[in-house]
Amino acid sequence: MQSLAMIDNWPVPTAAAAVVRADGTVLGRHGPAAHRFPLASVTKPLAAYAALVAYEEGAVELDEPAGPEGSTVRHLLAHTSGVAFDEHRVTAPPGTRRLYSNAGFEVLGDHIAKATEIPFPEYVRQAVLEPLGMTDTALDGSPARDGVSTVDDLLRFAAEVQAPRLLDPRTVLEAQTVVHPGLKGVLPGYGHQNPNDWGLGFEIRDHKSPHWTGASSSPATFGHFGQSGTFLWIDPTAGAACVALTDRAFGPWAAEVWPPFTDAVLAELQA
């Protein structure tokens, strides 16, 4: 895919990108696809997927208490638990606001570790990374932001999410469906959004503006971006997913180059 070569013009030291279909067909790669990059918040979809495996295994229930009083596993996955952004304190009643929370994902990881009696990074490895052959991916630390991976490994994950083998497809459909519709909130780096739609560990594009995906991205697009200059989106309408990893922190440069890149990828997919 010629559009992937646009990353050569990004103001970053190193970048790699690729596009994959649901059947695992890689439509194109560009850059060092085996280079390991810090994921920052692109860690969260991996952690969320492991949480959903724990749910399907019966270790936890989505609506069981977890975190602050009145909060559940579902609240933590959907950033509606009321836990603050980076502090383990409560700033709103559960279910009333979309408060994007790294601390909430750490609470989630601790909850699952206690339920499974397996440290959460090890649970992620056993539940997601090992079955998918993601041998260059590791989560050592916070389930909110401490993952390290490669484009090649994330292609495996993106193919899995599009055509699930580790989870029931109905569970993955629920993960990409808005939890607590209509809630306002801040999308980090992009300001207040009304509504600020989120599924179970995945951000949902809907009609947010501004946004890190493209103007032509379907409202059903879901995924995540990270403050380390990384993103993964899955566009069900386009029938494909795109991964882009860099080693420059997110900033105005990313907000400038990511949307036209996505639009170019989508245009090439439709050609």
Protein backbone atom coordinates (compact mmCIF):
# COMPACT_ATOMS: atom_id res chain seq x y z
CA MET A 1 0.00 0.00 0.00
CA GLN A 2 1.58 3.23 -1.19
CA SER A 3 -0.23 5.29 1.44
CA LEU A 4 1.86 3.69 4.20
CA ALA A 5 4.96 5.40 2.84
CA MET A 6 3.56 8.69 4.17
CA ILE A 7 5.16 7.81 7.52
CA ASP A 8 8.55 8.59 5.95
CA ASN A 9 7.58 12.26 6.13
CA TRP A 10 6.54 12.19 9.77
CA PRO A 11 8.86 14.19 12.09
CA VAL A 12 9.88 11.13 14.11
CA PRO A 13 13.13 9.18 14.48
CA THR A 14 11.53 5.79 13.77
CA ALA A 15 8.10 4.76 12.50
CA ALA A 16 6.44 1.60 11.24
CA ALA A 17 2.91 1.00 9.99
CA ALA A 18 0.79 -1.74 8.47
CA VAL A 19 -2.76 -2.68 7.47
CA VAL A 20 -4.44 -6.05 8.03
CA ARG A 21 -7.76 -7.62 7.04
CA ALA A 22 -9.93 -9.68 9.36
CA ASP A 23 -8.63 -12.93 7.83
CA GLY A 24 -5.07 -11.96 8.75
CA THR A 25 -4.10 -10.88 5.24
CA VAL A 26 -1.50 -8.13 5.59
CA LEU A 27 -2.22 -5.60 2.85
CA GLY A 28 0.98 -3.67 3.41
CA ARG A 29 3.85 -2.93 5.78
CA HIS A 30 6.22 0.01 5.86
CA GLY A 31 9.13 0.65 8.19
CA PRO A 32 10.74 -1.71 10.71
CA ALA A 33 7.73 -3.92 11.51
CA ALA A 34 9.76 -6.01 13.99
CA HIS A 35 11.07 -2.99 15.95
CA ARG A 36 9.83 -2.91 19.55
CA PHE A 37 8.15 0.36 20.51
CA PRO A 38 6.68 1.52 23.84
CA LEU A 39 2.89 1.45 23.36
CA ALA A 40 1.77 3.85 26.10
CA SER A 41 -2.04 3.68 26.14
CA VAL A 42 -2.25 1.28 23.20
CA THR A 43 -1.52 -1.12 26.07
CA LYS A 44 -5.13 -0.71 27.23
CA PRO A 45 -6.83 -2.73 24.44
CA LEU A 46 -4.47 -5.63 25.19
CA ALA A 47 -5.29 -5.40 28.90
CA ALA A 48 -8.99 -5.10 28.14
CA TYR A 49 -8.90 -8.17 25.91
CA ALA A 50 -7.29 -10.14 28.74
CA ALA A 51 -10.01 -8.88 31.09
CA LEU A 52 -12.63 -10.19 28.67
CA VAL A 53 -10.89 -13.57 28.58
CA ALA A 54 -11.11 -13.59 32.39
CA TYR A 55 -14.81 -12.80 32.05
CA GLU A 56 -15.42 -15.65 29.61
CA GLU A 57 -13.41 -18.03 31.80
CA GLY A 58 -15.70 -17.17 34.70
CA ALA A 59 -13.00 -15.58 36.84
CA VAL A 60 -14.85 -12.25 36.91
CA GLU A 61 -18.23 -10.86 35.90
CA LEU A 62 -18.53 -7.57 34.04
CA ASP A 63 -21.05 -6.26 36.55
CA GLU A 64 -19.37 -7.42 39.75
CA PRO A 65 -18.08 -4.76 42.16
CA ALA A 66 -14.57 -3.50 41.36
CA GLY A 67 -12.90 -0.26 42.31
CA PRO A 68 -14.78 2.53 44.12
CA GLU A 69 -18.12 1.92 45.81
CA GLY A 70 -20.78 1.40 43.15
CA SER A 71 -18.22 0.71 40.42
CA THR A 72 -17.92 -2.54 38.46
CA VAL A 73 -15.48 -4.21 36.08
CA ARG A 74 -17.57 -2.75 33.25
CA HIS A 75 -17.20 0.78 34.68
CA LEU A 76 -13.43 0.39 34.89
CA LEU A 77 -13.16 -0.86 31.28
CA ALA A 78 -15.34 1.98 30.01
CA HIS A 79 -13.69 4.80 32.00
CA THR A 80 -16.87 5.51 33.96
CA SER A 81 -15.76 4.33 37.41
CA GLY A 82 -15.13 7.86 38.64
CA VAL A 83 -11.45 7.15 39.37
CA ALA A 84 -9.19 10.10 38.55
CA PHE A 85 -6.87 10.20 35.54
CA ASP A 86 -3.59 9.27 37.19
CA GLU A 87 -4.48 9.16 40.88
CA HIS A 88 -6.20 6.49 42.92
CA ARG A 89 -8.94 8.80 44.15
CA VAL A 90 -12.61 9.16 43.23
CA THR A 91 -13.72 12.33 41.48
CA ALA A 92 -17.27 11.43 40.37
CA PRO A 93 -19.97 8.84 41.12
CA PRO A 94 -19.70 5.74 38.87
CA GLY A 95 -21.58 5.96 35.59
CA THR A 96 -22.01 9.75 35.57
CA ARG A 97 -18.99 10.99 33.60
CA ARG A 98 -16.42 9.63 31.15
CA LEU A 99 -13.24 10.17 33.13
CA TYR A 100 -10.37 8.65 31.18
CA SER A 101 -8.34 6.90 33.83
CA ASN A 102 -4.96 5.20 33.85
CA ALA A 103 -5.47 4.56 37.55
CA GLY A 104 -8.78 2.84 36.77
CA PHE A 105 -7.03 0.34 34.52
CA GLU A 106 -4.51 -0.32 37.28
CA VAL A 107 -7.39 -1.03 39.65
CA LEU A 108 -8.82 -3.36 36.99
CA GLY A 109 -5.51 -5.22 36.67
CA ASP A 110 -5.27 -5.65 40.43
CA HIS A 111 -8.86 -6.91 40.58
CA ILE A 112 -8.26 -9.56 37.91
CA ALA A 113 -4.95 -10.58 39.45
CA LYS A 114 -6.71 -11.19 42.75
CA ALA A 115 -9.55 -13.11 41.07
CA THR A 116 -7.27 -15.33 39.01
CA GLU A 117 -4.40 -15.55 41.52
CA ILE A 118 -2.06 -14.71 38.62
CA PRO A 119 -0.11 -11.41 38.37
CA PHE A 120 -1.88 -9.38 35.69
CA PRO A 121 1.11 -9.04 33.32
CA GLU A 122 1.46 -12.83 33.40
CA TYR A 123 -2.28 -13.25 32.87
CA VAL A 124 -2.09 -11.03 29.76
CA ARG A 125 0.75 -13.16 28.47
CA GLN A 126 -1.13 -16.42 29.02
CA ALA A 127 -4.54 -15.19 27.89
CA VAL A 128 -3.65 -13.05 24.87
CA LEU A 129 -0.01 -12.75 23.88
CA GLU A 130 1.00 -16.41 23.87
CA PRO A 131 -2.10 -17.76 22.07
CA LEU A 132 -1.72 -15.13 19.33
CA GLY A 133 2.01 -15.70 18.90
CA MET A 134 2.84 -12.15 20.04
CA THR A 135 6.33 -13.16 21.13
CA ASP A 136 7.83 -9.65 20.93
CA THR A 137 5.15 -8.09 23.13
CA ALA A 138 5.41 -7.66 26.89
CA LEU A 139 3.48 -5.92 29.61
CA ASP A 140 5.73 -5.40 32.61
CA GLY A 141 4.11 -2.82 34.84
CA SER A 142 0.96 -0.77 34.51
CA PRO A 143 -1.85 -2.28 32.41
CA ALA A 144 -2.67 1.27 31.41
CA ARG A 145 0.58 2.18 29.65
CA ASP A 146 3.60 -0.08 30.07
CA GLY A 147 3.23 -2.41 27.09
CA VAL A 148 5.96 -2.82 24.48
CA SER A 149 5.24 -4.35 21.08
CA THR A 150 5.90 -4.41 17.34
CA VAL A 151 3.77 -3.69 14.30
CA ASP A 152 3.95 -7.38 13.36
CA ASP A 153 2.61 -8.46 16.76
CA LEU A 154 -0.16 -5.85 16.79
CA LEU A 155 -1.24 -7.05 13.34
CA ARG A 156 -1.93 -10.41 14.97
CA PHE A 157 -3.99 -8.71 17.66
CA ALA A 158 -5.86 -6.55 15.13
CA ALA A 159 -6.74 -9.61 13.07
CA GLU A 160 -7.98 -11.37 16.23
CA VAL A 161 -10.25 -8.49 17.20
CA GLN A 162 -11.77 -8.45 13.71
CA ALA A 163 -12.31 -12.24 13.63
CA PRO A 164 -12.13 -13.47 17.24
CA ARG A 165 -10.77 -16.87 18.15
CA LEU A 166 -9.90 -16.24 21.80
CA LEU A 167 -13.29 -14.72 22.62
CA ASP A 168 -16.89 -15.22 21.59
CA PRO A 169 -17.60 -12.74 18.77
CA ARG A 170 -20.56 -11.45 20.79
CA THR A 171 -18.19 -10.40 23.57
CA VAL A 172 -15.99 -8.51 21.12
CA LEU A 173 -19.07 -6.85 19.61
CA GLU A 174 -20.00 -5.69 23.11
CA ALA A 175 -16.47 -4.34 23.57
CA GLN A 176 -16.89 -2.13 20.50
CA THR A 177 -20.37 -0.93 21.52
CA VAL A 178 -20.88 2.25 23.54
CA VAL A 179 -21.09 1.69 27.29
CA HIS A 180 -23.19 4.31 29.11
CA PRO A 181 -24.18 6.29 25.97
CA GLY A 182 -24.34 10.05 26.07
CA LEU A 183 -21.65 10.71 28.66
CA LYS A 184 -19.46 13.77 28.18
CA GLY A 185 -15.74 13.69 28.82
CA VAL A 186 -12.27 14.70 27.76
CA LEU A 187 -10.44 12.73 25.08
CA PRO A 188 -6.78 13.26 26.09
CA GLY A 189 -5.05 15.47 23.54
CA TYR A 190 -8.33 16.37 21.82
CA GLY A 191 -10.34 18.15 24.48
CA HIS A 192 -13.98 17.92 25.56
CA GLN A 193 -16.20 15.62 23.54
CA ASN A 194 -19.99 15.41 23.78
CA PRO A 195 -20.57 12.55 23.80
CA ASN A 196 -17.23 10.90 24.55
CA ASP A 197 -18.12 7.38 23.49
CA TRP A 198 -16.21 4.36 24.73
CA GLY A 199 -16.67 0.61 24.69
CA LEU A 200 -14.95 -1.97 26.88
CA GLY A 201 -11.34 -0.84 26.64
CA PHE A 202 -11.72 0.58 23.13
CA GLU A 203 -12.41 4.18 22.22
CA ILE A 204 -15.24 4.54 19.67
CA ARG A 205 -14.90 7.15 16.95
CA ASP A 206 -18.58 8.01 16.52
CA HIS A 207 -18.75 11.69 15.42
CA LYS A 208 -16.02 13.11 17.65
CA SER A 209 -14.26 16.22 16.44
CA PRO A 210 -11.37 16.80 16.55
CA HIS A 211 -10.14 13.22 16.46
CA TRP A 212 -6.99 11.21 15.80
CA THR A 213 -8.55 9.05 13.05
CA GLY A 214 -9.54 10.38 9.62
CA ALA A 215 -12.39 12.50 8.33
CA SER A 216 -13.44 9.47 6.27
CA SER A 217 -13.22 6.99 9.16
CA SER A 218 -16.60 5.40 9.79
CA PRO A 219 -18.39 6.23 13.08
CA ALA A 220 -18.03 2.52 13.95
CA THR A 221 -14.22 2.80 13.98
CA PHE A 222 -12.74 1.83 17.31
CA GLY A 223 -9.26 1.51 18.78
CA HIS A 224 -6.78 3.52 20.82
CA PHE A 225 -3.86 5.90 20.54
CA GLY A 226 -0.94 6.29 22.91
CA GLN A 227 1.09 9.21 24.23
CA SER A 228 4.24 7.51 22.88
CA GLY A 229 3.08 8.39 19.34
CA THR A 230 1.25 5.13 18.62
CA PHE A 231 -2.17 4.08 17.40
CA LEU A 232 -4.32 1.14 16.39
CA TRP A 233 -7.69 1.57 14.70
CA ILE A 234 -10.16 -0.96 13.38
CA ASP A 235 -12.74 0.23 10.88
CA PRO A 236 -15.47 -2.41 10.45
CA THR A 237 -16.92 -0.54 7.47
CA ALA A 238 -13.57 -0.64 5.67
CA GLY A 239 -13.00 -4.22 6.79
CA ALA A 240 -9.45 -3.54 7.91
CA ALA A 241 -7.26 -2.36 10.77
CA CYS A 242 -4.23 -0.09 10.79
CA VAL A 243 -1.31 0.01 13.22
CA ALA A 244 1.24 2.83 13.39
CA LEU A 245 4.04 2.97 15.96
CA THR A 246 6.64 5.70 16.47
CA ASP A 247 9.22 6.70 19.04
CA ARG A 248 8.20 10.34 19.42
CA ALA A 249 5.76 11.46 22.10
CA PHE A 250 2.30 12.47 20.93
CA GLY A 251 1.92 16.18 20.23
CA PRO A 252 0.74 18.66 17.59
CA TRP A 253 2.80 16.80 14.99
CA ALA A 254 0.62 13.69 15.43
CA ALA A 255 -2.65 15.61 15.36
CA GLU A 256 -1.46 17.09 12.04
CA VAL A 257 -0.26 13.96 10.23
CA TRP A 258 -2.39 11.09 11.56
CA PRO A 259 -5.81 12.03 10.09
CA PRO A 260 -4.61 12.57 6.49
CA PHE A 261 -2.61 9.35 6.76
CA THR A 262 -5.72 7.45 7.81
CA ASP A 263 -7.76 9.06 5.04
CA ALA A 264 -5.13 8.01 2.50
CA VAL A 265 -5.14 4.44 3.81
CA LEU A 266 -8.93 4.28 3.64
CA ALA A 267 -8.99 5.73 0.13
CA GLU A 268 -6.52 3.10 -1.03
CA LEU A 269 -8.58 0.37 0.60
CA GLN A 270 -11.64 1.53 -1.31
CA ALA A 271 -9.85 1.92 -4.65
